[in-house]
Amino acid sequence: MNRKAKEIYTELERERKKLCSMPLGSDLMLKQSRLVDELINEYYRAVAGGRRMAG
């Protein structure tokens, strides 16, 4: 795993834990879930980019 992907993964895990502790259906939970979705997409882009550079 490249460094950028590892940094994103660490942030993703932190934000996911926050999301799990929020009350269901709250506006804050919705915003947090969007952030987690964005981080997941960013993580996969970083992993794919690292593979292209290594290949």
Protein backbone atom coordinates (compact mmCIF):
# COMPACT_ATOMS: atom_id res chain seq x y z
CA MET A 1 0.00 0.00 0.00
CA ASN A 2 1.44 3.38 -0.93
CA ARG A 3 1.89 6.15 1.63
CA LYS A 4 -1.01 8.27 0.37
CA ALA A 5 -3.39 5.31 0.49
CA LYS A 6 -2.23 4.47 4.01
CA GLU A 7 -2.88 8.05 5.19
CA ILE A 8 -6.35 8.02 3.65
CA TYR A 9 -7.10 4.62 5.20
CA THR A 10 -6.11 5.89 8.66
CA GLU A 11 -8.39 8.91 8.27
CA LEU A 12 -11.17 6.69 6.91
CA GLU A 13 -11.02 4.40 9.95
CA ARG A 14 -11.14 7.40 12.31
CA GLU A 15 -14.16 8.92 10.53
CA ARG A 16 -15.92 5.53 10.28
CA LYS A 17 -15.64 5.11 14.06
CA LYS A 18 -17.20 8.55 14.55
CA LEU A 19 -20.02 7.58 12.18
CA CYS A 20 -20.76 4.39 14.13
CA SER A 21 -21.23 6.37 17.35
CA MET A 22 -23.78 8.83 15.91
CA PRO A 23 -27.55 8.59 16.40
CA LEU A 24 -29.33 6.91 13.49
CA GLY A 25 -31.03 9.21 11.01
CA SER A 26 -29.49 12.45 12.29
CA ASP A 27 -28.34 15.16 9.89
CA LEU A 28 -24.87 14.88 11.37
CA MET A 29 -24.83 11.17 10.58
CA LEU A 30 -25.81 11.87 6.98
CA LYS A 31 -22.96 14.38 6.59
CA GLN A 32 -20.53 11.96 8.21
CA SER A 33 -21.61 9.10 5.93
CA ARG A 34 -20.98 11.31 2.89
CA LEU A 35 -17.51 12.10 4.20
CA VAL A 36 -16.81 8.39 4.70
CA ASP A 37 -18.05 7.66 1.16
CA GLU A 38 -15.73 10.34 -0.25
CA LEU A 39 -12.80 8.92 1.71
CA ILE A 40 -13.52 5.41 0.42
CA ASN A 41 -13.50 6.69 -3.16
CA GLU A 42 -10.31 8.68 -2.53
CA TYR A 43 -8.68 5.59 -1.01
CA TYR A 44 -9.49 3.41 -4.01
CA ARG A 45 -8.19 6.10 -6.39
CA ALA A 46 -4.94 6.29 -4.41
CA VAL A 47 -4.54 2.50 -4.45
CA ALA A 48 -5.25 2.32 -8.19
CA GLY A 49 -2.85 5.22 -8.85
CA GLY A 50 -0.11 3.50 -6.88
CA ARG A 51 -0.56 0.30 -8.85
CA ARG A 52 -0.35 2.17 -12.16
CA MET A 53 2.88 3.83 -11.08
CA ALA A 54 4.38 0.55 -9.87
CA GLY A 55 3.31 -1.37 -12.99
